[in-house]
Amino acid sequence: MPNIKSAEKRAALAQQRRLKNRSQRSELKTLVKKTQVAMENDVEQAKSLLTLTIKELDEAASKGLIHKNAAARKKSRLMRRLNRLTAVNA
């Protein structure tokens, strides 16, 4: 337990930020999973979901929610997977 009032405030803020960040990371993971499932079922829907996913990954990286290299890696893997699917279907 913090003894100083400012330390109590900082601890409370840290807790709020931790919960918010965890929630946002969870939403991001869910969006990536939805995109992957869409790739298996409907390629056209996957394309539209992928643009949204890429936008959200870029935003998360710019805000520091995830590392920029992690965002780049996820985007690259999703794009590669979609390109392979469209090449096979073409």
PDB file of N, CA and C in Angstrom:
ATOM      1  N   MET A   1       0.834  -1.182   0.000  1.00  0.00           N
ATOM      2  CA  MET A   1       0.000   0.000   0.000  1.00  0.00           C
ATOM      3  C   MET A   1       0.881   1.250   0.000  1.00  0.00           C
ATOM      4  N   PRO A   2       0.571   2.181  -0.898  1.00  0.00           N
ATOM      5  CA  PRO A   2       1.327   3.432  -0.908  1.00  0.00           C
ATOM      6  C   PRO A   2       1.014   4.279   0.322  1.00  0.00           C
ATOM      7  N   ASN A   3       2.036   4.933   0.831  1.00  0.00           N
ATOM      8  CA  ASN A   3       1.864   5.804   1.997  1.00  0.00           C
ATOM      9  C   ASN A   3       1.566   7.241   1.602  1.00  0.00           C
ATOM     10  N   ILE A   4       1.942   7.607   0.393  1.00  0.00           N
ATOM     11  CA  ILE A   4       1.809   8.988  -0.061  1.00  0.00           C
ATOM     12  C   ILE A   4       0.607   9.087  -0.999  1.00  0.00           C
ATOM     13  N   LYS A   5      -0.130  10.186  -0.869  1.00  0.00           N
ATOM     14  CA  LYS A   5      -1.360  10.347  -1.640  1.00  0.00           C
ATOM     15  C   LYS A   5      -1.102  10.325  -3.148  1.00  0.00           C
ATOM     16  N   SER A   6      -0.028  10.967  -3.585  1.00  0.00           N
ATOM     17  CA  SER A   6       0.277  10.982  -5.018  1.00  0.00           C
ATOM     18  C   SER A   6       0.609   9.578  -5.517  1.00  0.00           C
ATOM     19  N   ALA A   7       1.233   8.773  -4.663  1.00  0.00           N
ATOM     20  CA  ALA A   7       1.541   7.394  -5.040  1.00  0.00           C
ATOM     21  C   ALA A   7       0.260   6.569  -5.163  1.00  0.00           C
ATOM     22  N   GLU A   8      -0.712   6.856  -4.305  1.00  0.00           N
ATOM     23  CA  GLU A   8      -2.008   6.177  -4.405  1.00  0.00           C
ATOM     24  C   GLU A   8      -2.684   6.518  -5.731  1.00  0.00           C
ATOM     25  N   LYS A   9      -2.621   7.795  -6.100  1.00  0.00           N
ATOM     26  CA  LYS A   9      -3.227   8.235  -7.355  1.00  0.00           C
ATOM     27  C   LYS A   9      -2.545   7.561  -8.543  1.00  0.00           C
ATOM     28  N   ARG A  10      -1.228   7.507  -8.494  1.00  0.00           N
ATOM     29  CA  ARG A  10      -0.482   6.892  -9.594  1.00  0.00           C
ATOM     30  C   ARG A  10      -0.796   5.404  -9.700  1.00  0.00           C
ATOM     31  N   ALA A  11      -0.933   4.737  -8.569  1.00  0.00           N
ATOM     32  CA  ALA A  11      -1.267   3.315  -8.575  1.00  0.00           C
ATOM     33  C   ALA A  11      -2.653   3.096  -9.178  1.00  0.00           C
ATOM     34  N   ALA A  12      -3.586   3.975  -8.837  1.00  0.00           N
ATOM     35  CA  ALA A  12      -4.938   3.862  -9.388  1.00  0.00           C
ATOM     36  C   ALA A  12      -4.929   4.100 -10.895  1.00  0.00           C
ATOM     37  N   LEU A  13      -4.170   5.108 -11.335  1.00  0.00           N
ATOM     38  CA  LEU A  13      -4.063   5.387 -12.769  1.00  0.00           C
ATOM     39  C   LEU A  13      -3.419   4.227 -13.512  1.00  0.00           C
ATOM     40  N   ALA A  14      -2.382   3.658 -12.919  1.00  0.00           N
ATOM     41  CA  ALA A  14      -1.701   2.529 -13.549  1.00  0.00           C
ATOM     42  C   ALA A  14      -2.664   1.355 -13.714  1.00  0.00           C
ATOM     43  N   GLN A  15      -3.486   1.121 -12.713  1.00  0.00           N
ATOM     44  CA  GLN A  15      -4.472   0.036 -12.775  1.00  0.00           C
ATOM     45  C   GLN A  15      -5.491   0.295 -13.889  1.00  0.00           C
ATOM     46  N   GLN A  16      -5.974   1.543 -13.988  1.00  0.00           N
ATOM     47  CA  GLN A  16      -6.936   1.893 -15.036  1.00  0.00           C
ATOM     48  C   GLN A  16      -6.325   1.689 -16.420  1.00  0.00           C
ATOM     49  N   ARG A  17      -5.093   2.152 -16.583  1.00  0.00           N
ATOM     50  CA  ARG A  17      -4.416   2.016 -17.879  1.00  0.00           C
ATOM     51  C   ARG A  17      -4.177   0.555 -18.226  1.00  0.00           C
ATOM     52  N   ARG A  18      -3.804  -0.235 -17.229  1.00  0.00           N
ATOM     53  CA  ARG A  18      -3.550  -1.654 -17.457  1.00  0.00           C
ATOM     54  C   ARG A  18      -4.814  -2.347 -17.957  1.00  0.00           C
ATOM     55  N   LEU A  19      -5.942  -2.060 -17.323  1.00  0.00           N
ATOM     56  CA  LEU A  19      -7.204  -2.675 -17.732  1.00  0.00           C
ATOM     57  C   LEU A  19      -7.619  -2.229 -19.134  1.00  0.00           C
ATOM     58  N   LYS A  20      -7.433  -0.938 -19.421  1.00  0.00           N
ATOM     59  CA  LYS A  20      -7.794  -0.421 -20.739  1.00  0.00           C
ATOM     60  C   LYS A  20      -6.908  -1.037 -21.822  1.00  0.00           C
ATOM     61  N   ASN A  21      -5.606  -1.098 -21.563  1.00  0.00           N
ATOM     62  CA  ASN A  21      -4.679  -1.676 -22.536  1.00  0.00           C
ATOM     63  C   ASN A  21      -4.982  -3.142 -22.774  1.00  0.00           C
ATOM     64  N   ARG A  22      -5.282  -3.868 -21.697  1.00  0.00           N
ATOM     65  CA  ARG A  22      -5.576  -5.295 -21.824  1.00  0.00           C
ATOM     66  C   ARG A  22      -6.825  -5.496 -22.674  1.00  0.00           C
ATOM     67  N   SER A  23      -7.826  -4.667 -22.455  1.00  0.00           N
ATOM     68  CA  SER A  23      -9.064  -4.750 -23.219  1.00  0.00           C
ATOM     69  C   SER A  23      -8.809  -4.464 -24.704  1.00  0.00           C
ATOM     70  N   GLN A  24      -8.027  -3.436 -24.978  1.00  0.00           N
ATOM     71  CA  GLN A  24      -7.750  -3.072 -26.370  1.00  0.00           C
ATOM     72  C   GLN A  24      -6.919  -4.142 -27.074  1.00  0.00           C
ATOM     73  N   ARG A  25      -5.955  -4.723 -26.362  1.00  0.00           N
ATOM     74  CA  ARG A  25      -5.167  -5.807 -26.959  1.00  0.00           C
ATOM     75  C   ARG A  25      -6.046  -7.016 -27.247  1.00  0.00           C
ATOM     76  N   SER A  26      -6.990  -7.283 -26.358  1.00  0.00           N
ATOM     77  CA  SER A  26      -7.910  -8.395 -26.553  1.00  0.00           C
ATOM     78  C   SER A  26      -8.782  -8.165 -27.788  1.00  0.00           C
ATOM     79  N   GLU A  27      -9.278  -6.952 -27.961  1.00  0.00           N
ATOM     80  CA  GLU A  27     -10.075  -6.618 -29.145  1.00  0.00           C
ATOM     81  C   GLU A  27      -9.255  -6.813 -30.414  1.00  0.00           C
ATOM     82  N   LEU A  28      -8.000  -6.430 -30.357  1.00  0.00           N
ATOM     83  CA  LEU A  28      -7.114  -6.566 -31.503  1.00  0.00           C
ATOM     84  C   LEU A  28      -6.908  -8.035 -31.857  1.00  0.00           C
ATOM     85  N   LYS A  29      -6.674  -8.858 -30.841  1.00  0.00           N
ATOM     86  CA  LYS A  29      -6.499 -10.293 -31.068  1.00  0.00           C
ATOM     87  C   LYS A  29      -7.757 -10.907 -31.670  1.00  0.00           C
ATOM     88  N   THR A  30      -8.917 -10.484 -31.177  1.00  0.00           N
ATOM     89  CA  THR A  30     -10.183 -10.996 -31.694  1.00  0.00           C
ATOM     90  C   THR A  30     -10.348 -10.622 -33.162  1.00  0.00           C
ATOM     91  N   LEU A  31      -9.987  -9.406 -33.520  1.00  0.00           N
ATOM     92  CA  LEU A  31     -10.093  -8.959 -34.901  1.00  0.00           C
ATOM     93  C   LEU A  31      -9.178  -9.771 -35.816  1.00  0.00           C
ATOM     94  N   VAL A  32      -7.970 -10.054 -35.354  1.00  0.00           N
ATOM     95  CA  VAL A  32      -7.036 -10.863 -36.143  1.00  0.00           C
ATOM     96  C   VAL A  32      -7.605 -12.268 -36.336  1.00  0.00           C
ATOM     97  N   LYS A  33      -8.168 -12.841 -35.274  1.00  0.00           N
ATOM     98  CA  LYS A  33      -8.750 -14.182 -35.377  1.00  0.00           C
ATOM     99  C   LYS A  33      -9.944 -14.198 -36.325  1.00  0.00           C
ATOM    100  N   LYS A  34     -10.791 -13.157 -36.272  1.00  0.00           N
ATOM    101  CA  LYS A  34     -11.937 -13.075 -37.178  1.00  0.00           C
ATOM    102  C   LYS A  34     -11.468 -13.032 -38.626  1.00  0.00           C
ATOM    103  N   THR A  35     -10.398 -12.296 -38.866  1.00  0.00           N
ATOM    104  CA  THR A  35      -9.851 -12.198 -40.214  1.00  0.00           C
ATOM    105  C   THR A  35      -9.348 -13.555 -40.684  1.00  0.00           C
ATOM    106  N   GLN A  36      -8.681 -14.286 -39.802  1.00  0.00           N
ATOM    107  CA  GLN A  36      -8.175 -15.604 -40.168  1.00  0.00           C
ATOM    108  C   GLN A  36      -9.312 -16.573 -40.473  1.00  0.00           C
ATOM    109  N   VAL A  37     -10.371 -16.524 -39.683  1.00  0.00           N
ATOM    110  CA  VAL A  37     -11.526 -17.394 -39.926  1.00  0.00           C
ATOM    111  C   VAL A  37     -12.194 -17.016 -41.239  1.00  0.00           C
ATOM    112  N   ALA A  38     -12.294 -15.722 -41.516  1.00  0.00           N
ATOM    113  CA  ALA A  38     -12.904 -15.267 -42.761  1.00  0.00           C
ATOM    114  C   ALA A  38     -12.101 -15.736 -43.966  1.00  0.00           C
ATOM    115  N   MET A  39     -10.787 -15.830 -43.814  1.00  0.00           N
ATOM    116  CA  MET A  39      -9.954 -16.307 -44.916  1.00  0.00           C
ATOM    117  C   MET A  39     -10.286 -17.751 -45.269  1.00  0.00           C
ATOM    118  N   GLU A  40     -10.658 -18.535 -44.282  1.00  0.00           N
ATOM    119  CA  GLU A  40     -11.007 -19.929 -44.538  1.00  0.00           C
ATOM    120  C   GLU A  40     -12.366 -20.046 -45.217  1.00  0.00           C
ATOM    121  N   ASN A  41     -13.287 -19.110 -44.917  1.00  0.00           N
ATOM    122  CA  ASN A  41     -14.657 -19.228 -45.402  1.00  0.00           C
ATOM    123  C   ASN A  41     -14.943 -18.370 -46.627  1.00  0.00           C
ATOM    124  N   ASP A  42     -14.692 -17.075 -46.536  1.00  0.00           N
ATOM    125  CA  ASP A  42     -15.080 -16.142 -47.594  1.00  0.00           C
ATOM    126  C   ASP A  42     -13.938 -15.165 -47.859  1.00  0.00           C
ATOM    127  N   VAL A  43     -13.315 -15.295 -49.013  1.00  0.00           N
ATOM    128  CA  VAL A  43     -12.132 -14.493 -49.325  1.00  0.00           C
ATOM    129  C   VAL A  43     -12.488 -13.013 -49.475  1.00  0.00           C
ATOM    130  N   GLU A  44     -13.656 -12.721 -50.057  1.00  0.00           N
ATOM    131  CA  GLU A  44     -14.049 -11.318 -50.244  1.00  0.00           C
ATOM    132  C   GLU A  44     -14.261 -10.618 -48.905  1.00  0.00           C
ATOM    133  N   GLN A  45     -14.907 -11.301 -47.988  1.00  0.00           N
ATOM    134  CA  GLN A  45     -15.104 -10.728 -46.654  1.00  0.00           C
ATOM    135  C   GLN A  45     -13.755 -10.575 -45.960  1.00  0.00           C
ATOM    136  N   ALA A  46     -12.874 -11.527 -46.188  1.00  0.00           N
ATOM    137  CA  ALA A  46     -11.548 -11.479 -45.573  1.00  0.00           C
ATOM    138  C   ALA A  46     -10.776 -10.253 -46.049  1.00  0.00           C
ATOM    139  N   LYS A  47     -10.925  -9.899 -47.317  1.00  0.00           N
ATOM    140  CA  LYS A  47     -10.223  -8.724 -47.846  1.00  0.00           C
ATOM    141  C   LYS A  47     -10.668  -7.452 -47.138  1.00  0.00           C
ATOM    142  N   SER A  48     -11.978  -7.303 -46.950  1.00  0.00           N
ATOM    143  CA  SER A  48     -12.467  -6.100 -46.275  1.00  0.00           C
ATOM    144  C   SER A  48     -12.075  -6.101 -44.799  1.00  0.00           C
ATOM    145  N   LEU A  49     -12.126  -7.277 -44.168  1.00  0.00           N
ATOM    146  CA  LEU A  49     -11.711  -7.375 -42.771  1.00  0.00           C
ATOM    147  C   LEU A  49     -10.218  -7.108 -42.623  1.00  0.00           C
ATOM    148  N   LEU A  50      -9.449  -7.524 -43.622  1.00  0.00           N
ATOM    149  CA  LEU A  50      -7.999  -7.347 -43.551  1.00  0.00           C
ATOM    150  C   LEU A  50      -7.625  -5.868 -43.561  1.00  0.00           C
ATOM    151  N   THR A  51      -8.313  -5.073 -44.369  1.00  0.00           N
ATOM    152  CA  THR A  51      -7.999  -3.639 -44.383  1.00  0.00           C
ATOM    153  C   THR A  51      -8.281  -3.012 -43.022  1.00  0.00           C
ATOM    154  N   LEU A  52      -9.385  -3.420 -42.400  1.00  0.00           N
ATOM    155  CA  LEU A  52      -9.710  -2.920 -41.064  1.00  0.00           C
ATOM    156  C   LEU A  52      -8.674  -3.390 -40.045  1.00  0.00           C
ATOM    157  N   THR A  53      -8.280  -4.644 -40.147  1.00  0.00           N
ATOM    158  CA  THR A  53      -7.300  -5.207 -39.214  1.00  0.00           C
ATOM    159  C   THR A  53      -5.963  -4.488 -39.331  1.00  0.00           C
ATOM    160  N   ILE A  54      -5.531  -4.238 -40.553  1.00  0.00           N
ATOM    161  CA  ILE A  54      -4.260  -3.543 -40.770  1.00  0.00           C
ATOM    162  C   ILE A  54      -4.319  -2.136 -40.180  1.00  0.00           C
ATOM    163  N   LYS A  55      -5.442  -1.460 -40.381  1.00  0.00           N
ATOM    164  CA  LYS A  55      -5.613  -0.114 -39.817  1.00  0.00           C
ATOM    165  C   LYS A  55      -5.512  -0.153 -38.295  1.00  0.00           C
ATOM    166  N   GLU A  56      -6.194  -1.106 -37.683  1.00  0.00           N
ATOM    167  CA  GLU A  56      -6.188  -1.217 -36.221  1.00  0.00           C
ATOM    168  C   GLU A  56      -4.800  -1.590 -35.695  1.00  0.00           C
ATOM    169  N   LEU A  57      -4.098  -2.469 -36.404  1.00  0.00           N
ATOM    170  CA  LEU A  57      -2.742  -2.840 -35.989  1.00  0.00           C
ATOM    171  C   LEU A  57      -1.814  -1.629 -36.049  1.00  0.00           C
ATOM    172  N   ASP A  58      -1.933  -0.843 -37.108  1.00  0.00           N
ATOM    173  CA  ASP A  58      -1.107   0.362 -37.231  1.00  0.00           C
ATOM    174  C   ASP A  58      -1.406   1.357 -36.116  1.00  0.00           C
ATOM    175  N   GLU A  59      -2.692   1.523 -35.812  1.00  0.00           N
ATOM    176  CA  GLU A  59      -3.072   2.436 -34.733  1.00  0.00           C
ATOM    177  C   GLU A  59      -2.512   1.966 -33.397  1.00  0.00           C
ATOM    178  N   ALA A  60      -2.636   0.668 -33.143  1.00  0.00           N
ATOM    179  CA  ALA A  60      -2.151   0.110 -31.877  1.00  0.00           C
ATOM    180  C   ALA A  60      -0.643   0.289 -31.762  1.00  0.00           C
ATOM    181  N   ALA A  61       0.061   0.114 -32.875  1.00  0.00           N
ATOM    182  CA  ALA A  61       1.512   0.275 -32.853  1.00  0.00           C
ATOM    183  C   ALA A  61       1.891   1.738 -32.622  1.00  0.00           C
ATOM    184  N   SER A  62       1.149   2.655 -33.237  1.00  0.00           N
ATOM    185  CA  SER A  62       1.488   4.070 -33.070  1.00  0.00           C
ATOM    186  C   SER A  62       1.205   4.550 -31.648  1.00  0.00           C
ATOM    187  N   LYS A  63       0.219   3.945 -30.990  1.00  0.00           N
ATOM    188  CA  LYS A  63      -0.102   4.316 -29.613  1.00  0.00           C
ATOM    189  C   LYS A  63       0.776   3.597 -28.597  1.00  0.00           C
ATOM    190  N   GLY A  64       1.557   2.630 -29.064  1.00  0.00           N
ATOM    191  CA  GLY A  64       2.422   1.898 -28.151  1.00  0.00           C
ATOM    192  C   GLY A  64       1.728   0.731 -27.476  1.00  0.00           C
ATOM    193  N   LEU A  65       0.558   0.371 -27.971  1.00  0.00           N
ATOM    194  CA  LEU A  65      -0.188  -0.747 -27.401  1.00  0.00           C
ATOM    195  C   LEU A  65       0.525  -2.062 -27.689  1.00  0.00           C
ATOM    196  N   ILE A  66       1.053  -2.177 -28.910  1.00  0.00           N
ATOM    197  CA  ILE A  66       1.912  -3.303 -29.274  1.00  0.00           C
ATOM    198  C   ILE A  66       3.145  -2.724 -29.957  1.00  0.00           C
ATOM    199  N   HIS A  67       4.196  -3.508 -30.020  1.00  0.00           N
ATOM    200  CA  HIS A  67       5.434  -3.043 -30.644  1.00  0.00           C
ATOM    201  C   HIS A  67       5.230  -2.924 -32.152  1.00  0.00           C
ATOM    202  N   LYS A  68       5.907  -1.954 -32.777  1.00  0.00           N
ATOM    203  CA  LYS A  68       5.708  -1.734 -34.213  1.00  0.00           C
ATOM    204  C   LYS A  68       6.148  -2.940 -35.033  1.00  0.00           C
ATOM    205  N   ASN A  69       7.179  -3.653 -34.583  1.00  0.00           N
ATOM    206  CA  ASN A  69       7.609  -4.842 -35.313  1.00  0.00           C
ATOM    207  C   ASN A  69       6.598  -5.973 -35.176  1.00  0.00           C
ATOM    208  N   ALA A  70       5.944  -6.054 -34.029  1.00  0.00           N
ATOM    209  CA  ALA A  70       4.898  -7.068 -33.841  1.00  0.00           C
ATOM    210  C   ALA A  70       3.731  -6.781 -34.779  1.00  0.00           C
ATOM    211  N   ALA A  71       3.373  -5.513 -34.913  1.00  0.00           N
ATOM    212  CA  ALA A  71       2.298  -5.134 -35.831  1.00  0.00           C
ATOM    213  C   ALA A  71       2.691  -5.465 -37.269  1.00  0.00           C
ATOM    214  N   ALA A  72       3.917  -5.153 -37.634  1.00  0.00           N
ATOM    215  CA  ALA A  72       4.393  -5.436 -38.988  1.00  0.00           C
ATOM    216  C   ALA A  72       4.394  -6.938 -39.257  1.00  0.00           C
ATOM    217  N   ARG A  73       4.804  -7.712 -38.278  1.00  0.00           N
ATOM    218  CA  ARG A  73       4.839  -9.172 -38.432  1.00  0.00           C
ATOM    219  C   ARG A  73       3.429  -9.739 -38.626  1.00  0.00           C
ATOM    220  N   LYS A  74       2.486  -9.270 -37.825  1.00  0.00           N
ATOM    221  CA  LYS A  74       1.108  -9.755 -37.942  1.00  0.00           C
ATOM    222  C   LYS A  74       0.513  -9.373 -39.296  1.00  0.00           C
ATOM    223  N   LYS A  75       0.749  -8.127 -39.726  1.00  0.00           N
ATOM    224  CA  LYS A  75       0.236  -7.680 -41.017  1.00  0.00           C
ATOM    225  C   LYS A  75       0.833  -8.508 -42.146  1.00  0.00           C
ATOM    226  N   SER A  76       2.125  -8.755 -42.066  1.00  0.00           N
ATOM    227  CA  SER A  76       2.811  -9.509 -43.104  1.00  0.00           C
ATOM    228  C   SER A  76       2.264 -10.926 -43.210  1.00  0.00           C
ATOM    229  N   ARG A  77       2.062 -11.561 -42.078  1.00  0.00           N
ATOM    230  CA  ARG A  77       1.557 -12.937 -42.083  1.00  0.00           C
ATOM    231  C   ARG A  77       0.137 -13.008 -42.637  1.00  0.00           C
ATOM    232  N   LEU A  78      -0.684 -12.040 -42.249  1.00  0.00           N
ATOM    233  CA  LEU A  78      -2.059 -12.027 -42.755  1.00  0.00           C
ATOM    234  C   LEU A  78      -2.086 -11.779 -44.264  1.00  0.00           C
ATOM    235  N   MET A  79      -1.291 -10.822 -44.726  1.00  0.00           N
ATOM    236  CA  MET A  79      -1.248 -10.521 -46.159  1.00  0.00           C
ATOM    237  C   MET A  79      -0.722 -11.706 -46.957  1.00  0.00           C
ATOM    238  N   ARG A  80       0.319 -12.338 -46.441  1.00  0.00           N
ATOM    239  CA  ARG A  80       0.896 -13.492 -47.132  1.00  0.00           C
ATOM    240  C   ARG A  80      -0.138 -14.610 -47.252  1.00  0.00           C
ATOM    241  N   ARG A  81      -0.877 -14.835 -46.172  1.00  0.00           N
ATOM    242  CA  ARG A  81      -1.888 -15.893 -46.180  1.00  0.00           C
ATOM    243  C   ARG A  81      -3.000 -15.576 -47.182  1.00  0.00           C
ATOM    244  N   LEU A  82      -3.452 -14.322 -47.200  1.00  0.00           N
ATOM    245  CA  LEU A  82      -4.503 -13.938 -48.138  1.00  0.00           C
ATOM    246  C   LEU A  82      -4.010 -14.028 -49.579  1.00  0.00           C
ATOM    247  N   ASN A  83      -2.786 -13.598 -49.826  1.00  0.00           N
ATOM    248  CA  ASN A  83      -2.239 -13.662 -51.182  1.00  0.00           C
ATOM    249  C   ASN A  83      -2.111 -15.100 -51.663  1.00  0.00           C
ATOM    250  N   ARG A  84      -1.748 -16.006 -50.774  1.00  0.00           N
ATOM    251  CA  ARG A  84      -1.669 -17.419 -51.153  1.00  0.00           C
ATOM    252  C   ARG A  84      -3.050 -17.963 -51.504  1.00  0.00           C
ATOM    253  N   LEU A  85      -4.052 -17.566 -50.729  1.00  0.00           N
ATOM    254  CA  LEU A  85      -5.414 -18.033 -50.999  1.00  0.00           C
ATOM    255  C   LEU A  85      -5.930 -17.497 -52.327  1.00  0.00           C
ATOM    256  N   THR A  86      -5.686 -16.223 -52.605  1.00  0.00           N
ATOM    257  CA  THR A  86      -6.170 -15.649 -53.855  1.00  0.00           C
ATOM    258  C   THR A  86      -5.407 -16.213 -55.046  1.00  0.00           C
ATOM    259  N   ALA A  87      -4.140 -16.556 -54.858  1.00  0.00           N
ATOM    260  CA  ALA A  87      -3.356 -17.148 -55.947  1.00  0.00           C
ATOM    261  C   ALA A  87      -3.869 -18.548 -56.266  1.00  0.00           C
ATOM    262  N   VAL A  88      -4.255 -19.285 -55.245  1.00  0.00           N
ATOM    263  CA  VAL A  88      -4.771 -20.643 -55.442  1.00  0.00           C
ATOM    264  C   VAL A  88      -6.140 -20.590 -56.110  1.00  0.00           C
ATOM    265  N   ASN A  89      -6.974 -19.633 -55.703  1.00  0.00           N
ATOM    266  CA  ASN A  89      -8.327 -19.526 -56.250  1.00  0.00           C
ATOM    267  C   ASN A  89      -8.355 -18.910 -57.643  1.00  0.00           C
ATOM    268  N   ALA A  90      -7.314 -18.204 -58.028  1.00  0.00           N
ATOM    269  CA  ALA A  90      -7.303 -17.523 -59.326  1.00  0.00           C
ATOM    270  C   ALA A  90      -7.043 -18.460 -60.474  1.00  0.00           C
TER     271      ALA A  90
END
